[in-house]
Amino acid sequence: MDPESTAGAGRRGGYDRDVVLGSFLVGLVLVLAAIAFCVVRGFALWRQAKATGGTLGREVAKFEVRSARTERLLAEAERSSEELQAALERLRRSRAELQVLMRALERAQARTRWLRAFLPV
């Protein structure tokens, strides 16, 4: 047999079949490992997203409750502020009336001072 013919027996087109097959198998194993890794990480991500969605939903519900409470308290504070303004206005009016009455009393006392000289104390 010719040494050139035996050397090229496993080769086709200049490539060794065993090397090509080995490279293909290594590539296939790497692709399958990458797919498995992506699937496992995808499931982990899905579970985490599901848990996060539940937590986020609960937190949004809590926020809605707190914002409703805050809105209610602000409405009560506004109503109380209006009541306070009305009470302050009534107080101003009452103080003005008191001042008028105090001046009238002082004038009446000034007019009747001469009677004190004749009345026993």
Protein backbone atom coordinates (compact mmCIF):
# COMPACT_ATOMS: atom_id res chain seq x y z
CA MET A 1 0.00 0.00 0.00
CA ASP A 2 0.97 3.48 -0.72
CA PRO A 3 1.82 5.62 2.38
CA GLU A 4 -0.09 8.57 0.92
CA SER A 5 -3.22 6.52 0.39
CA THR A 6 -3.23 5.18 3.98
CA ALA A 7 -2.59 8.64 5.45
CA GLY A 8 -5.60 10.10 3.68
CA ALA A 9 -7.93 7.17 4.41
CA GLY A 10 -9.68 8.94 7.34
CA ARG A 11 -9.60 12.36 5.73
CA ARG A 12 -12.05 13.90 3.42
CA GLY A 13 -11.47 17.28 1.91
CA GLY A 14 -8.42 17.88 4.10
CA TYR A 15 -10.22 17.45 7.48
CA ASP A 16 -9.85 14.50 9.83
CA ARG A 17 -13.28 12.95 10.50
CA ASP A 18 -12.47 12.18 14.11
CA VAL A 19 -11.45 15.77 14.83
CA VAL A 20 -14.57 17.15 13.14
CA LEU A 21 -16.80 14.66 14.98
CA GLY A 22 -15.09 15.44 18.30
CA SER A 23 -15.45 19.18 17.74
CA PHE A 24 -19.10 18.75 16.82
CA LEU A 25 -19.78 16.66 19.94
CA VAL A 26 -17.97 19.14 22.20
CA GLY A 27 -19.96 21.99 20.64
CA LEU A 28 -23.21 20.04 21.02
CA VAL A 29 -22.47 19.34 24.70
CA LEU A 30 -21.67 23.02 25.29
CA VAL A 31 -24.88 24.12 23.55
CA LEU A 32 -26.96 21.61 25.58
CA ALA A 33 -25.27 22.74 28.81
CA ALA A 34 -25.99 26.38 27.92
CA ILE A 35 -29.63 25.55 27.17
CA ALA A 36 -29.95 23.68 30.48
CA PHE A 37 -28.34 26.58 32.33
CA CYS A 38 -30.67 29.08 30.66
CA VAL A 39 -33.73 26.96 31.45
CA VAL A 40 -32.75 26.62 35.12
CA ARG A 41 -32.03 30.34 35.41
CA GLY A 42 -35.26 31.12 33.55
CA PHE A 43 -37.30 29.08 36.04
CA ALA A 44 -35.50 30.77 38.93
CA LEU A 45 -36.23 34.16 37.37
CA TRP A 46 -39.89 33.22 36.87
CA ARG A 47 -40.22 32.13 40.52
CA GLN A 48 -38.50 35.30 41.71
CA ALA A 49 -40.72 37.46 39.49
CA LYS A 50 -43.79 35.66 40.82
CA ALA A 51 -42.72 36.22 44.43
CA THR A 52 -41.77 39.83 43.71
CA GLY A 53 -45.11 40.43 42.01
CA GLY A 54 -46.93 39.14 45.10
CA THR A 55 -44.82 41.26 47.41
CA LEU A 56 -45.24 44.27 45.16
CA GLY A 57 -49.00 43.73 45.09
CA ARG A 58 -49.15 43.61 48.89
CA GLU A 59 -47.04 46.74 49.19
CA VAL A 60 -49.20 48.58 46.68
CA ALA A 61 -52.29 47.55 48.65
CA LYS A 62 -50.69 48.83 51.87
CA PHE A 63 -49.80 52.07 50.11
CA GLU A 64 -53.38 52.48 48.92
CA VAL A 65 -54.68 51.95 52.46
CA ARG A 66 -52.19 54.46 53.86
CA SER A 67 -52.92 57.02 51.16
CA ALA A 68 -56.67 56.65 51.77
CA ARG A 69 -56.06 57.16 55.49
CA THR A 70 -53.90 60.20 54.78
CA GLU A 71 -56.57 61.62 52.48
CA ARG A 72 -59.21 61.09 55.18
CA LEU A 73 -57.00 62.74 57.81
CA LEU A 74 -56.34 65.69 55.51
CA ALA A 75 -60.07 66.09 54.92
CA GLU A 76 -60.67 66.00 58.69
CA ALA A 77 -57.86 68.52 59.23
CA GLU A 78 -59.36 70.80 56.59
CA ARG A 79 -62.78 70.53 58.19
CA SER A 80 -61.25 71.19 61.63
CA SER A 81 -59.38 74.16 60.20
CA GLU A 82 -62.63 75.58 58.84
CA GLU A 83 -64.28 75.02 62.23
CA LEU A 84 -61.31 76.68 63.93
CA GLN A 85 -61.55 79.69 61.62
CA ALA A 86 -65.26 79.98 62.39
CA ALA A 87 -64.55 79.72 66.12
CA LEU A 88 -61.84 82.38 65.84
CA GLU A 89 -64.25 84.67 64.05
CA ARG A 90 -66.86 84.12 66.79
CA LEU A 91 -64.17 84.83 69.41
CA ARG A 92 -63.19 88.09 67.68
CA ARG A 93 -66.82 89.12 67.59
CA SER A 94 -67.33 88.21 71.25
CA ARG A 95 -64.19 90.12 72.28
CA ALA A 96 -65.39 93.15 70.34
CA GLU A 97 -68.76 92.93 72.11
CA LEU A 98 -66.94 92.54 75.44
CA GLN A 99 -64.88 95.65 74.73
CA VAL A 100 -68.05 97.59 73.92
CA LEU A 101 -69.67 96.36 77.16
CA MET A 102 -66.51 97.15 79.21
CA ARG A 103 -66.42 100.71 77.84
CA ALA A 104 -70.12 101.13 78.62
CA LEU A 105 -69.52 99.85 82.16
CA GLU A 106 -66.58 102.23 82.63
CA ARG A 107 -68.69 105.15 81.41
CA ALA A 108 -71.51 104.12 83.72
CA GLN A 109 -69.08 103.85 86.65
CA ALA A 110 -67.61 107.26 85.83
CA ARG A 111 -71.08 108.81 85.75
CA THR A 112 -72.06 107.26 89.07
CA ARG A 113 -68.86 107.99 91.03
CA TRP A 114 -70.46 110.88 92.87
CA LEU A 115 -73.06 108.45 94.28
CA ARG A 116 -70.34 106.45 96.05
CA ALA A 117 -69.71 109.35 98.36
CA PHE A 118 -73.22 108.97 99.70
CA LEU A 119 -73.41 105.14 99.77
CA PRO A 120 -71.80 103.06 102.50
CA VAL A 121 -69.12 100.73 101.24
